[in-house]
Structure formats: C-alpha cells, structure tokens
Amino acid sequence: MKGAVDGQTANTVAVPEGVDADLLMKVLGNPEMAALLTSLAKSLKAE
C-alpha cells in the first residue's frame, strides 16, 4: 500500500461511539471487503 503524498491531507471520518476505529480501518483497508461493501451498497440503492 502506498502512503500519503507529501502535502496531501488525509480524509477524516467521525467514527460512532462504540466502534473500534483500528478494526474499522483494517476492514476498509481490505480490497476484498471494500468490493463486498460496494456491491452491497449498490444492491441497496437499486431497491
């Protein structure tokens, strides 16, 4: 994985209370999980 380019700001997201931010980042950093969540989101929009 590539790191942030110098001078570029990182996107930030408010994590709801009770959610483990480190675990969430690991899940979202997994390309297979990201593809699964994207597919799920698209299927929910279609309904």
PDB file of N, CA and C in Angstrom:
ATOM      1  N   MET A   1       0.834  -1.183   0.000  1.00  0.00           N
ATOM      2  CA  MET A   1       0.000   0.000   0.000  1.00  0.00           C
ATOM      3  C   MET A   1       0.877   1.243   0.000  1.00  0.00           C
ATOM      4  N   LYS A   2       0.462   2.244  -0.734  1.00  0.00           N
ATOM      5  CA  LYS A   2       1.242   3.475  -0.799  1.00  0.00           C
ATOM      6  C   LYS A   2       0.802   4.427   0.293  1.00  0.00           C
ATOM      7  N   GLY A   3       1.730   5.188   0.837  1.00  0.00           N
ATOM      8  CA  GLY A   3       1.412   6.177   1.855  1.00  0.00           C
ATOM      9  C   GLY A   3       0.920   7.462   1.211  1.00  0.00           C
ATOM     10  N   ALA A   4       0.505   8.395   2.024  1.00  0.00           N
ATOM     11  CA  ALA A   4       0.021   9.682   1.520  1.00  0.00           C
ATOM     12  C   ALA A   4       1.173  10.469   0.917  1.00  0.00           C
ATOM     13  N   VAL A   5       0.897  11.169  -0.135  1.00  0.00           N
ATOM     14  CA  VAL A   5       1.904  12.010  -0.785  1.00  0.00           C
ATOM     15  C   VAL A   5       2.123  13.246   0.076  1.00  0.00           C
ATOM     16  N   ASP A   6       3.370  13.716   0.151  1.00  0.00           N
ATOM     17  CA  ASP A   6       3.676  14.915   0.939  1.00  0.00           C
ATOM     18  C   ASP A   6       2.812  16.082   0.478  1.00  0.00           C
ATOM     19  N   GLY A   7       2.264  16.817   1.425  1.00  0.00           N
ATOM     20  CA  GLY A   7       1.440  17.966   1.116  1.00  0.00           C
ATOM     21  C   GLY A   7      -0.026  17.617   0.913  1.00  0.00           C
ATOM     22  N   GLN A   8      -0.341  16.335   0.903  1.00  0.00           N
ATOM     23  CA  GLN A   8      -1.727  15.902   0.714  1.00  0.00           C
ATOM     24  C   GLN A   8      -2.363  15.684   2.078  1.00  0.00           C
ATOM     25  N   THR A   9      -3.607  16.123   2.243  1.00  0.00           N
ATOM     26  CA  THR A   9      -4.287  15.939   3.517  1.00  0.00           C
ATOM     27  C   THR A   9      -5.068  14.641   3.503  1.00  0.00           C
ATOM     28  N   ALA A  10      -5.178  14.024   4.654  1.00  0.00           N
ATOM     29  CA  ALA A  10      -5.909  12.767   4.778  1.00  0.00           C
ATOM     30  C   ALA A  10      -7.391  13.050   4.983  1.00  0.00           C
ATOM     31  N   ASN A  11      -8.230  12.187   4.429  1.00  0.00           N
ATOM     32  CA  ASN A  11      -9.668  12.298   4.660  1.00  0.00           C
ATOM     33  C   ASN A  11      -9.958  11.804   6.068  1.00  0.00           C
ATOM     34  N   THR A  12     -10.848  12.469   6.764  1.00  0.00           N
ATOM     35  CA  THR A  12     -11.208  12.044   8.109  1.00  0.00           C
ATOM     36  C   THR A  12     -12.697  11.766   8.171  1.00  0.00           C
ATOM     37  N   VAL A  13     -13.051  10.803   9.011  1.00  0.00           N
ATOM     38  CA  VAL A  13     -14.446  10.411   9.182  1.00  0.00           C
ATOM     39  C   VAL A  13     -14.709  10.292  10.670  1.00  0.00           C
ATOM     40  N   ALA A  14     -15.855  10.781  11.103  1.00  0.00           N
ATOM     41  CA  ALA A  14     -16.241  10.637  12.510  1.00  0.00           C
ATOM     42  C   ALA A  14     -16.682   9.191  12.737  1.00  0.00           C
ATOM     43  N   VAL A  15     -16.058   8.532  13.684  1.00  0.00           N
ATOM     44  CA  VAL A  15     -16.397   7.139  13.999  1.00  0.00           C
ATOM     45  C   VAL A  15     -17.404   7.151  15.145  1.00  0.00           C
ATOM     46  N   PRO A  16     -18.549   6.482  14.942  1.00  0.00           N
ATOM     47  CA  PRO A  16     -19.561   6.458  16.004  1.00  0.00           C
ATOM     48  C   PRO A  16     -19.023   5.839  17.294  1.00  0.00           C
ATOM     49  N   GLU A  17     -19.581   6.263  18.403  1.00  0.00           N
ATOM     50  CA  GLU A  17     -19.178   5.738  19.702  1.00  0.00           C
ATOM     51  C   GLU A  17     -19.443   4.236  19.737  1.00  0.00           C
ATOM     52  N   GLY A  18     -18.521   3.483  20.313  1.00  0.00           N
ATOM     53  CA  GLY A  18     -18.674   2.036  20.419  1.00  0.00           C
ATOM     54  C   GLY A  18     -18.068   1.277  19.249  1.00  0.00           C
ATOM     55  N   VAL A  19     -17.515   2.003  18.256  1.00  0.00           N
ATOM     56  CA  VAL A  19     -16.888   1.359  17.103  1.00  0.00           C
ATOM     57  C   VAL A  19     -15.375   1.440  17.267  1.00  0.00           C
ATOM     58  N   ASP A  20     -14.706   0.307  17.092  1.00  0.00           N
ATOM     59  CA  ASP A  20     -13.253   0.248  17.194  1.00  0.00           C
ATOM     60  C   ASP A  20     -12.660   0.808  15.898  1.00  0.00           C
ATOM     61  N   ALA A  21     -12.092   2.007  15.953  1.00  0.00           N
ATOM     62  CA  ALA A  21     -11.578   2.692  14.764  1.00  0.00           C
ATOM     63  C   ALA A  21     -10.468   1.889  14.086  1.00  0.00           C
ATOM     64  N   ASP A  22      -9.584   1.269  14.862  1.00  0.00           N
ATOM     65  CA  ASP A  22      -8.495   0.481  14.272  1.00  0.00           C
ATOM     66  C   ASP A  22      -9.036  -0.718  13.506  1.00  0.00           C
ATOM     67  N   LEU A  23     -10.009  -1.396  14.079  1.00  0.00           N
ATOM     68  CA  LEU A  23     -10.612  -2.550  13.409  1.00  0.00           C
ATOM     69  C   LEU A  23     -11.346  -2.102  12.152  1.00  0.00           C
ATOM     70  N   LEU A  24     -12.042  -0.988  12.227  1.00  0.00           N
ATOM     71  CA  LEU A  24     -12.755  -0.457  11.068  1.00  0.00           C
ATOM     72  C   LEU A  24     -11.770  -0.154   9.938  1.00  0.00           C
ATOM     73  N   MET A  25     -10.635   0.439  10.250  1.00  0.00           N
ATOM     74  CA  MET A  25      -9.632   0.745   9.229  1.00  0.00           C
ATOM     75  C   MET A  25      -9.081  -0.534   8.597  1.00  0.00           C
ATOM     76  N   LYS A  26      -8.891  -1.584   9.393  1.00  0.00           N
ATOM     77  CA  LYS A  26      -8.408  -2.853   8.844  1.00  0.00           C
ATOM     78  C   LYS A  26      -9.433  -3.443   7.878  1.00  0.00           C
ATOM     79  N   VAL A  27     -10.703  -3.393   8.264  1.00  0.00           N
ATOM     80  CA  VAL A  27     -11.762  -3.939   7.408  1.00  0.00           C
ATOM     81  C   VAL A  27     -11.837  -3.146   6.101  1.00  0.00           C
ATOM     82  N   LEU A  28     -11.848  -1.818   6.191  1.00  0.00           N
ATOM     83  CA  LEU A  28     -11.966  -0.989   4.997  1.00  0.00           C
ATOM     84  C   LEU A  28     -10.703  -1.004   4.143  1.00  0.00           C
ATOM     85  N   GLY A  29      -9.575  -1.355   4.744  1.00  0.00           N
ATOM     86  CA  GLY A  29      -8.313  -1.433   4.009  1.00  0.00           C
ATOM     87  C   GLY A  29      -8.161  -2.712   3.223  1.00  0.00           C
ATOM     88  N   ASN A  30      -9.043  -3.693   3.457  1.00  0.00           N
ATOM     89  CA  ASN A  30      -9.003  -4.962   2.751  1.00  0.00           C
ATOM     90  C   ASN A  30      -9.749  -4.799   1.423  1.00  0.00           C
ATOM     91  N   PRO A  31      -9.068  -4.948   0.282  1.00  0.00           N
ATOM     92  CA  PRO A  31      -9.718  -4.742  -1.016  1.00  0.00           C
ATOM     93  C   PRO A  31     -10.928  -5.656  -1.241  1.00  0.00           C
ATOM     94  N   GLU A  32     -10.871  -6.883  -0.775  1.00  0.00           N
ATOM     95  CA  GLU A  32     -11.993  -7.804  -0.938  1.00  0.00           C
ATOM     96  C   GLU A  32     -13.204  -7.328  -0.138  1.00  0.00           C
ATOM     97  N   MET A  33     -12.975  -6.850   1.068  1.00  0.00           N
ATOM     98  CA  MET A  33     -14.068  -6.354   1.896  1.00  0.00           C
ATOM     99  C   MET A  33     -14.637  -5.066   1.305  1.00  0.00           C
ATOM    100  N   ALA A  34     -13.776  -4.204   0.790  1.00  0.00           N
ATOM    101  CA  ALA A  34     -14.245  -2.964   0.162  1.00  0.00           C
ATOM    102  C   ALA A  34     -15.132  -3.287  -1.042  1.00  0.00           C
ATOM    103  N   ALA A  35     -14.740  -4.277  -1.843  1.00  0.00           N
ATOM    104  CA  ALA A  35     -15.545  -4.677  -3.001  1.00  0.00           C
ATOM    105  C   ALA A  35     -16.883  -5.249  -2.552  1.00  0.00           C
ATOM    106  N   LEU A  36     -16.875  -6.040  -1.496  1.00  0.00           N
ATOM    107  CA  LEU A  36     -18.111  -6.621  -0.969  1.00  0.00           C
ATOM    108  C   LEU A  36     -19.051  -5.523  -0.478  1.00  0.00           C
ATOM    109  N   LEU A  37     -18.528  -4.563   0.270  1.00  0.00           N
ATOM    110  CA  LEU A  37     -19.352  -3.469   0.784  1.00  0.00           C
ATOM    111  C   LEU A  37     -19.884  -2.589  -0.349  1.00  0.00           C
ATOM    112  N   THR A  38     -19.068  -2.363  -1.384  1.00  0.00           N
ATOM    113  CA  THR A  38     -19.518  -1.593  -2.537  1.00  0.00           C
ATOM    114  C   THR A  38     -20.665  -2.301  -3.239  1.00  0.00           C
ATOM    115  N   SER A  39     -20.516  -3.608  -3.421  1.00  0.00           N
ATOM    116  CA  SER A  39     -21.567  -4.396  -4.057  1.00  0.00           C
ATOM    117  C   SER A  39     -22.856  -4.364  -3.230  1.00  0.00           C
ATOM    118  N   LEU A  40     -22.731  -4.481  -1.941  1.00  0.00           N
ATOM    119  CA  LEU A  40     -23.884  -4.436  -1.047  1.00  0.00           C
ATOM    120  C   LEU A  40     -24.578  -3.077  -1.122  1.00  0.00           C
ATOM    121  N   ALA A  41     -23.791  -2.012  -1.108  1.00  0.00           N
ATOM    122  CA  ALA A  41     -24.357  -0.666  -1.183  1.00  0.00           C
ATOM    123  C   ALA A  41     -25.109  -0.453  -2.490  1.00  0.00           C
ATOM    124  N   LYS A  42     -24.555  -0.947  -3.594  1.00  0.00           N
ATOM    125  CA  LYS A  42     -25.225  -0.808  -4.890  1.00  0.00           C
ATOM    126  C   LYS A  42     -26.532  -1.582  -4.915  1.00  0.00           C
ATOM    127  N   SER A  43     -26.557  -2.754  -4.300  1.00  0.00           N
ATOM    128  CA  SER A  43     -27.785  -3.557  -4.289  1.00  0.00           C
ATOM    129  C   SER A  43     -28.857  -2.893  -3.434  1.00  0.00           C
ATOM    130  N   LEU A  44     -28.454  -2.177  -2.390  1.00  0.00           N
ATOM    131  CA  LEU A  44     -29.423  -1.485  -1.545  1.00  0.00           C
ATOM    132  C   LEU A  44     -30.011  -0.274  -2.262  1.00  0.00           C
ATOM    133  N   LYS A  45     -29.210   0.404  -3.076  1.00  0.00           N
ATOM    134  CA  LYS A  45     -29.689   1.567  -3.824  1.00  0.00           C
ATOM    135  C   LYS A  45     -30.722   1.154  -4.877  1.00  0.00           C
ATOM    136  N   ALA A  46     -30.577  -0.041  -5.429  1.00  0.00           N
ATOM    137  CA  ALA A  46     -31.443  -0.495  -6.518  1.00  0.00           C
ATOM    138  C   ALA A  46     -32.878  -0.744  -6.036  1.00  0.00           C
ATOM    139  N   GLU A  47     -33.064  -0.985  -4.769  1.00  0.00           N
ATOM    140  CA  GLU A  47     -34.403  -1.304  -4.264  1.00  0.00           C
ATOM    141  C   GLU A  47     -35.251  -0.105  -4.028  1.00  0.00           C
TER     142      GLU A  47
END
